[in-house]
């Protein structure tokens, strides 16, 4: 009895670590690896909310530099641009600059190597504005060739909101490998030590499902908070979804694994109940 109880405690500790372990491993990899980050945010160029937010900022900046009569044509040109392949390519270039900003914010980098403007991750749209000038000239926007340098930017994620969502990213980054190993080791050791492995497997499965569902709930609650406290909620929400999308898929996969463990444990427990006691098997009559 004591052996099974001790094994169950180990399994529950493993399940308790499993939630932060999964979140740490996949979230840290998604954010710190530039290729993974770009792969996640590149599809955002297709999002209507992102296209609208960037287009509005560009339109506001350009309208200050052109005659009022040219503004409808400017608006049309910009709308066509944000729906074009040029926009998608430029979006990737912009996010190559955003990635170190995000890391500096999460790591609380105060070395001065990179300034996070206004404590927010900023998309500098100057490159897009330069590409637009050639379109303005081609589409006959008055005085397009005389438009000076355009200063346009979008603040995507605020520092306080991001740090509230991930309060100790440096610690999470440090433990992103150790936590999964510890969680798996505790669960496997607990099942191996248990005298009632079927029951322990059921506990492990339920524990994993509960732990993953709690992380899913936390992700949902934090999304609302990050979007609400960021300077551009229409951009912050899609960015948050892009960076945590892979994590969400993994959480549901682990939930499925937990369900399989519950079923396997129930089958093993049923077989143990149906198996006759050792004494009965020893003295069973011989039937030739």
Protein backbone atom coordinates (compact mmCIF):
# COMPACT_ATOMS: atom_id res chain seq x y z
CA UNK A 1 0.00 0.00 0.00
CA UNK A 2 2.80 2.44 0.93
CA UNK A 3 4.62 1.64 -2.32
CA UNK A 4 1.58 2.48 -4.43
CA UNK A 5 0.90 5.65 -2.45
CA UNK A 6 4.50 6.81 -2.91
CA UNK A 7 4.29 6.02 -6.64
CA UNK A 8 1.07 8.00 -6.93
CA UNK A 9 2.71 11.02 -5.28
CA UNK A 10 5.55 10.83 -7.82
CA UNK A 11 3.08 10.66 -10.70
CA UNK A 12 1.09 13.62 -9.39
CA UNK A 13 4.29 15.67 -9.03
CA UNK A 14 5.17 14.78 -12.61
CA UNK A 15 1.73 15.87 -13.81
CA UNK A 16 2.05 19.09 -11.82
CA UNK A 17 5.29 19.85 -13.67
CA UNK A 18 3.94 18.70 -17.04
CA UNK A 19 1.90 21.85 -17.71
CA UNK A 20 4.74 24.37 -17.26
CA UNK A 21 7.15 21.88 -18.84
CA UNK A 22 5.22 21.70 -22.12
CA UNK A 23 4.62 25.46 -22.10
CA UNK A 24 8.28 26.22 -21.41
CA UNK A 25 9.74 23.87 -23.99
CA UNK A 26 7.55 24.81 -26.96
CA UNK A 27 7.02 28.49 -26.15
CA UNK A 28 10.71 29.18 -25.57
CA UNK A 29 11.65 27.42 -28.80
CA UNK A 30 8.97 29.30 -30.73
CA UNK A 31 10.10 32.70 -29.47
CA UNK A 32 13.88 32.36 -29.27
CA UNK A 33 14.46 30.54 -32.55
CA UNK A 34 14.28 33.15 -35.31
CA UNK A 35 13.30 30.67 -38.01
CA UNK A 36 10.46 29.30 -35.85
CA UNK A 37 9.35 32.84 -35.05
CA UNK A 38 9.30 33.89 -38.70
CA UNK A 39 7.48 30.70 -39.69
CA UNK A 40 4.80 31.51 -37.11
CA UNK A 41 4.27 35.19 -37.94
CA UNK A 42 4.64 35.11 -41.74
CA UNK A 43 1.01 33.93 -42.29
CA UNK A 44 -0.16 37.03 -40.38
CA UNK A 45 0.42 39.00 -43.59
CA UNK A 46 -2.75 37.31 -44.86
CA UNK A 47 -4.82 38.39 -41.84
CA UNK A 48 -7.35 41.14 -42.69
CA UNK A 49 -6.87 42.71 -39.24
CA UNK A 50 -3.12 42.97 -39.78
CA UNK A 51 -3.51 44.34 -43.30
CA UNK A 52 -6.01 46.92 -42.08
CA UNK A 53 -3.87 48.05 -39.13
CA UNK A 54 -0.73 48.47 -41.24
CA UNK A 55 -2.67 50.05 -44.10
CA UNK A 56 -4.28 52.59 -41.77
CA UNK A 57 -0.92 53.65 -40.35
CA UNK A 58 0.59 54.01 -43.83
CA UNK A 59 -2.43 55.95 -45.07
CA UNK A 60 -2.29 58.38 -42.14
CA UNK A 61 1.43 58.98 -42.65
CA UNK A 62 1.20 59.43 -46.43
CA UNK A 63 -1.89 61.66 -46.35
CA UNK A 64 0.13 64.22 -44.42
CA UNK A 65 2.50 64.50 -47.40
CA UNK A 66 0.11 64.69 -50.38
CA UNK A 67 -2.65 67.08 -51.53
CA UNK A 68 -6.15 66.37 -50.24
CA UNK A 69 -7.42 65.53 -53.70
CA UNK A 70 -4.87 62.74 -54.03
CA UNK A 71 -5.86 61.00 -50.81
CA UNK A 72 -8.55 58.69 -52.27
CA UNK A 73 -6.01 57.39 -54.79
CA UNK A 74 -3.45 56.99 -52.01
CA UNK A 75 -5.94 54.90 -50.02
CA UNK A 76 -6.66 52.65 -53.00
CA UNK A 77 -2.97 52.15 -53.75
CA UNK A 78 -2.21 51.24 -50.13
CA UNK A 79 -5.11 48.77 -49.95
CA UNK A 80 -3.81 47.08 -53.10
CA UNK A 81 -0.31 47.03 -51.65
CA UNK A 82 -1.22 45.30 -48.38
CA UNK A 83 -2.97 42.58 -50.40
CA UNK A 84 0.06 42.04 -52.66
CA UNK A 85 3.09 39.75 -52.63
CA UNK A 86 5.31 42.80 -52.04
CA UNK A 87 3.60 43.30 -48.69
CA UNK A 88 4.15 39.68 -47.68
CA UNK A 89 7.85 39.85 -48.53
CA UNK A 90 8.29 43.14 -46.67
CA UNK A 91 6.36 41.76 -43.70
CA UNK A 92 9.00 39.05 -43.28
CA UNK A 93 11.79 41.64 -43.41
CA UNK A 94 10.06 43.77 -40.78
CA UNK A 95 9.68 40.82 -38.45
CA UNK A 96 13.36 40.01 -38.70
CA UNK A 97 13.84 43.35 -36.96
CA UNK A 98 10.99 42.74 -34.50
CA UNK A 99 12.37 39.40 -33.28
CA UNK A 100 15.36 40.83 -31.34
CA UNK A 101 13.05 43.50 -29.87
CA UNK A 102 10.76 40.80 -28.52
CA UNK A 103 13.65 38.82 -27.05
CA UNK A 104 15.12 41.94 -25.43
CA UNK A 105 11.76 42.71 -23.86
CA UNK A 106 11.22 39.17 -22.56
CA UNK A 107 14.76 38.87 -21.23
CA UNK A 108 14.65 42.36 -19.72
CA UNK A 109 17.81 43.21 -21.64
CA UNK A 110 19.08 46.51 -20.27
CA UNK A 111 22.46 46.37 -21.94
CA UNK A 112 21.51 49.12 -24.34
CA UNK A 113 22.30 47.01 -27.41
CA UNK A 114 18.67 47.34 -28.50
CA UNK A 115 16.16 49.94 -27.43
CA UNK A 116 12.57 48.78 -27.13
CA UNK A 117 10.76 51.99 -27.98
CA UNK A 118 8.29 53.19 -25.39
CA UNK A 119 8.44 49.76 -23.74
CA UNK A 120 6.70 48.24 -26.75
CA UNK A 121 7.59 46.06 -29.71
CA UNK A 122 7.45 48.35 -32.75
CA UNK A 123 6.98 47.65 -36.45
CA UNK A 124 8.86 50.34 -38.36
CA UNK A 125 6.98 50.78 -41.65
CA UNK A 126 9.54 52.99 -43.41
CA UNK A 127 10.60 50.14 -45.74
CA UNK A 128 7.00 49.63 -46.79
CA UNK A 129 6.59 53.36 -47.35
CA UNK A 130 9.60 53.35 -49.69
CA UNK A 131 8.07 50.54 -51.73
CA UNK A 132 4.81 52.48 -51.90
CA UNK A 133 6.42 55.52 -53.49
CA UNK A 134 7.14 53.64 -56.70
CA UNK A 135 3.52 52.47 -56.76
CA UNK A 136 2.28 56.03 -56.25
CA UNK A 137 4.34 57.21 -59.22
CA UNK A 138 3.10 54.34 -61.40
CA UNK A 139 -0.55 54.97 -60.48
CA UNK A 140 -0.37 58.72 -61.01
CA UNK A 141 -0.62 60.06 -57.47
CA UNK A 142 0.03 63.84 -57.72
CA UNK A 143 3.48 64.94 -56.51
CA UNK A 144 4.34 61.33 -55.65
CA UNK A 145 7.96 61.79 -56.69
CA UNK A 146 8.29 64.66 -54.19
CA UNK A 147 6.98 62.80 -51.15
CA UNK A 148 9.65 63.06 -48.42
CA UNK A 149 10.67 60.20 -46.18
CA UNK A 150 7.60 58.76 -44.47
CA UNK A 151 7.76 58.01 -40.76
CA UNK A 152 5.17 55.31 -40.00
CA UNK A 153 5.19 52.73 -37.23
CA UNK A 154 2.88 50.37 -35.40
CA UNK A 155 3.32 49.41 -31.76
CA UNK A 156 2.41 45.74 -31.57
CA UNK A 157 2.97 44.41 -28.03
CA UNK A 158 3.41 46.40 -24.84
CA UNK A 159 6.15 45.42 -22.42
CA UNK A 160 3.94 45.27 -19.30
CA UNK A 161 1.40 43.05 -21.06
CA UNK A 162 4.03 40.64 -22.37
CA UNK A 163 5.85 40.44 -19.04
CA UNK A 164 2.58 39.79 -17.26
CA UNK A 165 1.87 36.90 -19.65
CA UNK A 166 5.39 35.49 -19.20
CA UNK A 167 6.60 36.95 -15.87
CA UNK A 168 9.89 35.03 -15.65
CA UNK A 169 10.93 34.26 -19.20
CA UNK A 170 14.62 33.99 -18.32
CA UNK A 171 13.81 31.30 -15.73
CA UNK A 172 11.45 29.59 -18.17
CA UNK A 173 14.21 29.61 -20.79
CA UNK A 174 16.68 28.08 -18.33
CA UNK A 175 14.27 25.32 -17.30
CA UNK A 176 12.81 24.64 -20.76
CA UNK A 177 14.82 21.40 -21.06
CA UNK A 178 15.06 20.35 -17.41
CA UNK A 179 11.31 20.61 -16.69
CA UNK A 180 10.16 18.16 -19.40
CA UNK A 181 12.84 15.66 -18.38
CA UNK A 182 11.85 15.92 -14.72
CA UNK A 183 8.13 15.57 -15.50
CA UNK A 184 8.62 12.49 -17.68
CA UNK A 185 11.04 10.90 -15.22
CA UNK A 186 8.66 11.32 -12.27
CA UNK A 187 5.70 9.86 -14.15
CA UNK A 188 7.66 6.89 -15.53
CA UNK A 189 9.28 6.19 -12.15
CA UNK A 190 5.93 6.38 -10.38
CA UNK A 191 4.30 3.92 -12.78
CA UNK A 192 7.30 1.56 -12.57
CA UNK A 193 7.27 1.53 -8.76
CA UNK A 194 3.53 1.13 -8.34
CA UNK A 195 2.14 -2.20 -7.18
CA UNK A 196 -1.11 -1.28 -8.97
CA UNK A 197 0.09 0.04 -12.28
CA UNK A 198 -3.34 0.14 -13.84
CA UNK A 199 -4.63 2.50 -11.18
CA UNK A 200 -1.47 4.59 -11.32
CA UNK A 201 -1.77 4.89 -15.10
CA UNK A 202 -5.35 6.16 -14.69
CA UNK A 203 -4.10 8.76 -12.19
CA UNK A 204 -1.31 9.78 -14.57
CA UNK A 205 -3.71 10.11 -17.48
CA UNK A 206 -6.23 12.20 -15.56
CA UNK A 207 -3.42 14.33 -14.13
CA UNK A 208 -2.00 15.05 -17.58
CA UNK A 209 -5.40 15.99 -18.99
CA UNK A 210 -6.13 18.34 -16.09
CA UNK A 211 -2.66 19.94 -16.29
CA UNK A 212 -2.96 20.55 -20.05
CA UNK A 213 -6.48 21.97 -19.74
CA UNK A 214 -5.27 24.39 -17.08
CA UNK A 215 -2.55 25.64 -19.45
CA UNK A 216 -5.11 25.98 -22.26
CA UNK A 217 -7.31 28.05 -19.92
CA UNK A 218 -4.35 30.20 -18.85
CA UNK A 219 -3.41 30.80 -22.50
CA UNK A 220 -6.97 31.93 -23.29
CA UNK A 221 -7.13 34.29 -20.31
CA UNK A 222 -3.69 35.77 -21.01
CA UNK A 223 -4.57 36.40 -24.66
CA UNK A 224 -7.38 38.73 -23.63
CA UNK A 225 -5.07 40.51 -21.18
CA UNK A 226 -2.21 40.93 -23.65
CA UNK A 227 -4.52 42.24 -26.39
CA UNK A 228 -6.35 44.63 -24.06
CA UNK A 229 -3.15 46.14 -22.63
CA UNK A 230 -1.25 46.42 -25.91
CA UNK A 231 -1.24 49.62 -28.00
CA UNK A 232 -2.64 47.83 -31.06
CA UNK A 233 -5.06 45.09 -29.88
CA UNK A 234 -5.93 44.19 -33.46
CA UNK A 235 -2.28 43.23 -34.00
CA UNK A 236 -1.43 41.94 -30.51
CA UNK A 237 -4.13 39.25 -30.63
CA UNK A 238 -2.97 37.68 -33.93
CA UNK A 239 0.68 37.90 -32.84
CA UNK A 240 -0.14 36.13 -29.57
CA UNK A 241 -2.07 33.43 -31.44
CA UNK A 242 0.79 32.94 -33.89
CA UNK A 243 3.40 32.57 -31.15
CA UNK A 244 1.30 30.19 -29.05
CA UNK A 245 -0.42 28.25 -31.84
CA UNK A 246 2.13 25.43 -31.86
CA UNK A 247 1.92 25.20 -28.06
CA UNK A 248 -1.87 24.84 -28.23
CA UNK A 249 -1.63 21.94 -30.68
CA UNK A 250 0.88 20.17 -28.43
CA UNK A 251 -1.32 20.70 -25.36
CA UNK A 252 -4.23 18.94 -27.05
CA UNK A 253 -1.93 16.13 -28.21
CA UNK A 254 -0.77 15.58 -24.62
CA UNK A 255 -4.42 15.61 -23.54
CA UNK A 256 -4.98 12.79 -26.01
CA UNK A 257 -2.02 10.89 -24.59
CA UNK A 258 -3.53 11.33 -21.14
CA UNK A 259 -6.79 9.86 -22.40
CA UNK A 260 -4.93 6.85 -23.82
CA UNK A 261 -3.22 6.32 -20.45
CA UNK A 262 -6.60 6.37 -18.70
CA UNK A 263 -7.98 3.72 -21.07
CA UNK A 264 -4.84 1.59 -20.79
CA UNK A 265 -4.87 1.86 -17.01
CA UNK A 266 -8.55 0.91 -16.86
CA UNK A 267 -7.88 -2.20 -18.99
CA UNK A 268 -4.95 -3.25 -16.81
CA UNK A 269 -6.97 -2.73 -13.64
CA UNK A 270 -9.83 -4.81 -15.04
CA UNK A 271 -7.47 -7.64 -15.94
CA UNK A 272 -5.99 -7.53 -12.45
CA UNK A 273 -9.46 -7.86 -10.94
CA UNK A 274 -10.40 -10.75 -13.22
CA UNK A 275 -7.16 -12.63 -12.53
CA UNK A 276 -7.59 -15.26 -9.77
CA UNK A 277 -5.48 -14.84 -6.63
CA UNK A 278 -2.07 -16.51 -6.63
CA UNK A 279 -3.17 -19.10 -4.03
CA UNK A 280 -6.16 -20.14 -6.17
CA UNK A 281 -3.94 -20.62 -9.20
CA UNK A 282 -1.46 -22.67 -7.17
CA UNK A 283 -4.02 -25.17 -5.90
CA UNK A 284 -6.31 -25.31 -8.91
CA UNK A 285 -7.26 -28.94 -9.76
CA UNK A 286 -5.35 -30.58 -12.58
CA UNK A 287 -7.43 -31.32 -15.64
CA UNK A 288 -5.65 -33.59 -17.99
